[in-house]
Amino acid sequence: MDGKIELFTLLFNLKNMKIGILLSGCGVYDGAEIHEAVFSLLAVEEEGHEPVCISINKTQHHVINHLNGEEMQENRNMLIESARIARGEVIEINNVESIDALIIPGGFGSAKNFTKWAFNGPDGMILEEVKNLILKLNSEKKPIVALCVSPVVIAKAMQESTTTPCLTIGSSKEKSPYDINSFIEGLNKTGANTSMKNINEIEIDYKNKIITAPCYMMEASIKDIRTNIQNAIKAIKELI
């Protein structure tokens, strides 16, 4: 009887997890990629879980005009910008109590705000708040999902740890708007292992409970992005 109760509890918990979605702002060129963030929220709820939006109460690196790509002479706060996606329901990272897994959507905010990969590559810094959250979840053996360019955040967080993550950031064998090989070289420099995956694939690091998906690192339709994220979030239960 006890075994049946434990099984029921496990199955119940698998359908009632709190999953954090870490947002670096609002907009692909200076914050979180909006499609990836929204599809993450949707996929989490479709799997029966509760999404918890998280961000950081700090100024983002800069503000980009998304019509022409030019830098704008103004300052914006990551937490306030992320609230646009979260419809106001976003928790400051230092106030996160307990989550069962974490998703980091892509967007240049991962390489400009969370880290400085966009400017210094693998030698760039990472925000301590982000690093600490990732290492805490990893030590607790809780799944982490990194989409698009966000594997660089995982790599930087674990660079000086004993964990060697296996990550994908896309494939140089198919069309991409970015230099995939350069990203792979950078990830390898941090000590991470890498694999090439296309838009129809995800990488699952079973040992370290890390899932990565290429998303908009590859040339892809919005439908492709949706499916790639769905598959990544469905895989969370494989790691529980």
Protein backbone atom coordinates (compact mmCIF):
# COMPACT_ATOMS: atom_id res chain seq x y z
CA MET A 1 0.00 0.00 0.00
CA ASP A 2 2.83 2.39 0.90
CA GLY A 3 4.37 1.81 -2.53
CA LYS A 4 1.14 2.80 -4.26
CA ILE A 5 0.92 5.97 -2.17
CA GLU A 6 4.51 6.89 -3.04
CA LEU A 7 3.84 6.29 -6.74
CA PHE A 8 0.67 8.40 -6.61
CA THR A 9 2.56 11.19 -4.84
CA LEU A 10 5.34 11.09 -7.43
CA LEU A 11 2.89 11.22 -10.35
CA PHE A 12 0.94 14.03 -8.67
CA ASN A 13 4.09 16.07 -8.11
CA LEU A 14 5.19 15.57 -11.71
CA LYS A 15 1.99 17.30 -12.82
CA ASN A 16 2.19 20.10 -10.25
CA MET A 17 5.68 21.48 -10.46
CA LYS A 18 6.66 25.12 -10.15
CA ILE A 19 8.92 25.93 -13.07
CA GLY A 20 10.86 29.18 -13.12
CA ILE A 21 11.25 31.15 -16.34
CA LEU A 22 14.23 33.48 -16.08
CA LEU A 23 13.75 36.64 -18.17
CA SER A 24 16.50 39.12 -19.11
CA GLY A 25 14.16 41.88 -20.29
CA CYS A 26 11.73 42.17 -23.19
CA GLY A 27 12.92 41.99 -26.78
CA VAL A 28 15.34 39.82 -28.74
CA TYR A 29 18.12 42.39 -29.26
CA ASP A 30 18.44 43.62 -25.68
CA GLY A 31 16.46 41.23 -23.48
CA ALA A 32 14.51 37.98 -23.58
CA GLU A 33 13.30 36.65 -26.94
CA ILE A 34 9.55 37.17 -26.69
CA HIS A 35 8.41 34.20 -28.81
CA GLU A 36 10.60 31.84 -26.82
CA ALA A 37 9.46 33.30 -23.50
CA VAL A 38 5.75 33.08 -24.37
CA PHE A 39 6.04 29.57 -25.84
CA SER A 40 7.84 28.52 -22.65
CA LEU A 41 4.98 29.85 -20.52
CA LEU A 42 2.45 28.06 -22.72
CA ALA A 43 4.33 24.75 -22.79
CA VAL A 44 4.76 24.73 -19.01
CA GLU A 45 1.01 25.14 -18.49
CA GLU A 46 0.22 22.57 -21.18
CA GLU A 47 2.31 20.06 -19.24
CA GLY A 48 0.26 20.78 -16.12
CA HIS A 49 2.86 22.85 -14.31
CA GLU A 50 2.89 26.35 -12.85
CA PRO A 51 5.17 28.90 -14.55
CA VAL A 52 6.94 31.38 -12.26
CA CYS A 53 8.51 34.35 -14.04
CA ILE A 54 11.79 35.57 -12.55
CA SER A 55 14.05 38.50 -13.37
CA ILE A 56 16.68 40.83 -11.93
CA ASN A 57 16.21 44.32 -10.55
CA LYS A 58 19.11 45.84 -12.47
CA THR A 59 19.60 48.03 -15.53
CA GLN A 60 20.04 46.11 -18.77
CA HIS A 61 23.22 46.68 -20.80
CA HIS A 62 21.56 48.96 -23.35
CA VAL A 63 18.31 49.55 -25.23
CA ILE A 64 17.94 48.67 -28.91
CA ASN A 65 15.41 50.08 -31.36
CA HIS A 66 13.92 46.88 -32.75
CA LEU A 67 12.87 48.62 -35.98
CA ASN A 68 16.34 49.62 -37.12
CA GLY A 69 18.76 47.90 -34.74
CA GLU A 70 20.22 51.18 -33.47
CA GLU A 71 21.07 51.83 -29.83
CA MET A 72 18.73 54.22 -28.03
CA GLN A 73 19.84 56.80 -25.48
CA GLU A 74 17.82 55.55 -22.53
CA ASN A 75 18.03 53.08 -19.65
CA ARG A 76 15.66 50.24 -18.87
CA ASN A 77 15.36 47.87 -15.94
CA MET A 78 15.32 44.10 -16.56
CA LEU A 79 12.66 43.41 -13.93
CA ILE A 80 10.33 46.13 -15.21
CA GLU A 81 10.83 45.09 -18.84
CA SER A 82 10.27 41.41 -17.99
CA ALA A 83 6.99 42.36 -16.35
CA ARG A 84 5.71 43.22 -19.85
CA ILE A 85 5.95 39.53 -20.78
CA ALA A 86 4.82 38.27 -17.36
CA ARG A 87 1.78 40.59 -17.28
CA GLY A 88 3.16 42.08 -14.09
CA GLU A 89 3.64 38.77 -12.27
CA VAL A 90 7.41 38.50 -12.00
CA ILE A 91 9.57 37.71 -8.96
CA GLU A 92 12.94 39.33 -8.29
CA ILE A 93 15.60 36.61 -8.44
CA ASN A 94 16.73 37.08 -4.84
CA ASN A 95 13.16 36.48 -3.64
CA VAL A 96 12.72 33.09 -5.32
CA GLU A 97 11.83 30.56 -2.63
CA SER A 98 11.45 27.15 -4.24
CA ILE A 99 11.14 25.99 -7.82
CA ASP A 100 11.34 22.49 -9.28
CA ALA A 101 13.02 23.41 -12.57
CA LEU A 102 14.25 26.44 -14.50
CA ILE A 103 13.89 27.60 -18.10
CA ILE A 104 16.06 30.33 -19.61
CA PRO A 105 14.65 31.64 -22.91
CA GLY A 106 17.08 33.06 -25.44
CA GLY A 107 17.52 36.60 -26.66
CA PHE A 108 20.57 38.85 -26.55
CA GLY A 109 19.81 39.61 -22.91
CA SER A 110 21.42 36.28 -22.01
CA ALA A 111 24.64 37.42 -23.70
CA LYS A 112 24.44 41.11 -22.75
CA ASN A 113 22.63 41.31 -19.40
CA PHE A 114 23.06 37.95 -17.65
CA THR A 115 26.56 37.55 -19.06
CA LYS A 116 28.88 39.67 -21.22
CA TRP A 117 29.39 36.92 -23.80
CA ALA A 118 28.30 39.26 -26.60
CA PHE A 119 31.31 41.50 -25.88
CA ASN A 120 33.97 39.25 -24.36
CA GLY A 121 32.95 35.74 -25.42
CA PRO A 122 33.75 32.98 -22.91
CA ASP A 123 35.98 35.40 -20.96
CA GLY A 124 33.01 37.63 -20.12
CA MET A 125 31.51 37.85 -16.64
CA ILE A 126 28.21 36.45 -15.40
CA LEU A 127 25.88 38.07 -12.87
CA GLU A 128 26.36 36.45 -9.48
CA GLU A 129 22.59 36.19 -8.92
CA VAL A 130 22.18 34.15 -12.09
CA LYS A 131 25.22 32.00 -11.39
CA ASN A 132 24.08 31.27 -7.85
CA LEU A 133 20.57 30.23 -8.90
CA ILE A 134 21.88 27.87 -11.58
CA LEU A 135 24.45 26.27 -9.27
CA LYS A 136 21.88 25.91 -6.50
CA LEU A 137 19.41 24.09 -8.78
CA ASN A 138 22.19 21.93 -10.18
CA SER A 139 23.32 20.94 -6.67
CA GLU A 140 19.70 20.04 -5.88
CA LYS A 141 19.57 17.93 -9.06
CA LYS A 142 16.72 19.96 -10.49
CA PRO A 143 16.33 20.26 -14.29
CA ILE A 144 17.50 23.35 -16.15
CA VAL A 145 16.41 24.18 -19.71
CA ALA A 146 18.40 26.68 -21.78
CA LEU A 147 16.98 27.84 -25.11
CA CYS A 148 18.67 29.47 -28.09
CA VAL A 149 21.82 31.35 -26.98
CA SER A 150 21.21 30.72 -23.26
CA PRO A 151 23.54 27.70 -23.05
CA VAL A 152 26.27 30.36 -22.73
CA VAL A 153 24.68 31.28 -19.38
CA ILE A 154 24.87 27.66 -18.20
CA ALA A 155 28.46 27.37 -19.40
CA LYS A 156 29.54 30.52 -17.58
CA ALA A 157 27.73 29.54 -14.38
CA MET A 158 29.45 26.15 -14.30
CA GLN A 159 32.83 27.25 -15.64
CA GLU A 160 34.63 27.03 -12.31
CA SER A 161 32.55 24.22 -10.83
CA THR A 162 33.08 20.47 -10.93
CA THR A 163 30.15 20.06 -13.32
CA THR A 164 30.85 19.54 -17.02
CA PRO A 165 27.62 20.24 -18.88
CA CYS A 166 26.82 18.85 -22.31
CA LEU A 167 25.15 21.59 -24.37
CA THR A 168 23.92 22.38 -27.85
CA ILE A 169 23.67 25.82 -29.39
CA GLY A 170 22.67 24.63 -32.85
CA SER A 171 24.39 23.13 -35.86
CA SER A 172 26.83 24.55 -38.39
CA LYS A 173 25.58 21.98 -40.89
CA GLU A 174 22.31 23.82 -41.44
CA LYS A 175 21.37 27.47 -42.02
CA SER A 176 21.86 29.84 -39.10
CA PRO A 177 22.01 33.64 -38.77
CA TYR A 178 24.97 33.20 -36.41
CA ASP A 179 28.48 31.74 -36.41
CA ILE A 180 27.67 28.46 -34.70
CA ASN A 181 31.25 27.19 -34.81
CA SER A 182 32.44 30.29 -32.96
CA PHE A 183 29.87 29.71 -30.23
CA ILE A 184 30.88 26.06 -29.98
CA GLU A 185 34.53 27.03 -29.61
CA GLY A 186 33.60 29.45 -26.85
CA LEU A 187 31.49 26.89 -25.01
CA ASN A 188 34.31 24.37 -25.23
CA LYS A 189 36.70 26.97 -23.82
CA THR A 190 34.59 27.19 -20.67
CA GLY A 191 35.00 23.43 -20.22
CA ALA A 192 31.57 22.42 -21.50
CA ASN A 193 31.03 19.55 -23.90
CA THR A 194 29.00 20.35 -27.01
CA SER A 195 26.92 18.60 -29.63
CA MET A 196 25.33 19.82 -32.84
CA LYS A 197 21.55 19.74 -33.00
CA ASN A 198 19.17 21.15 -35.60
CA ILE A 199 15.83 22.86 -35.02
CA ASN A 200 14.08 19.49 -34.81
CA GLU A 201 16.34 18.22 -32.03
CA ILE A 202 17.21 18.87 -28.40
CA GLU A 203 20.19 17.88 -26.26
CA ILE A 204 19.50 16.10 -22.98
CA ASP A 205 22.35 15.90 -20.49
CA TYR A 206 20.93 13.17 -18.25
CA LYS A 207 23.83 13.23 -15.81
CA ASN A 208 23.56 16.94 -15.04
CA LYS A 209 19.81 17.28 -15.75
CA ILE A 210 20.29 19.98 -18.39
CA ILE A 211 18.21 20.33 -21.56
CA THR A 212 19.25 22.65 -24.39
CA ALA A 213 17.40 23.51 -27.61
CA PRO A 214 18.68 25.63 -30.54
CA CYS A 215 15.47 27.59 -31.28
CA TYR A 216 16.28 30.87 -33.07
CA MET A 217 20.00 30.10 -33.25
CA MET A 218 18.88 28.31 -36.42
CA GLU A 219 16.84 29.68 -39.30
CA ALA A 220 13.38 28.50 -38.32
CA SER A 221 9.70 29.32 -38.57
CA ILE A 222 7.71 30.33 -35.53
CA LYS A 223 6.01 26.92 -35.72
CA ASP A 224 9.42 25.22 -35.59
CA ILE A 225 10.33 27.28 -32.52
CA ARG A 226 7.10 26.33 -30.80
CA THR A 227 7.73 22.60 -31.38
CA ASN A 228 11.38 22.79 -30.32
CA ILE A 229 10.41 24.40 -27.02
CA GLN A 230 7.54 21.95 -26.47
CA ASN A 231 9.93 19.04 -26.88
CA ALA A 232 12.46 20.59 -24.48
CA ILE A 233 9.89 21.15 -21.76
CA LYS A 234 8.28 17.75 -22.22
CA ALA A 235 11.72 16.26 -21.58
CA ILE A 236 11.85 17.75 -18.08
CA LYS A 237 9.85 14.80 -16.73
CA GLU A 238 12.55 12.44 -18.05
CA LEU A 239 14.98 14.08 -15.63
CA ILE A 240 12.78 13.96 -12.52
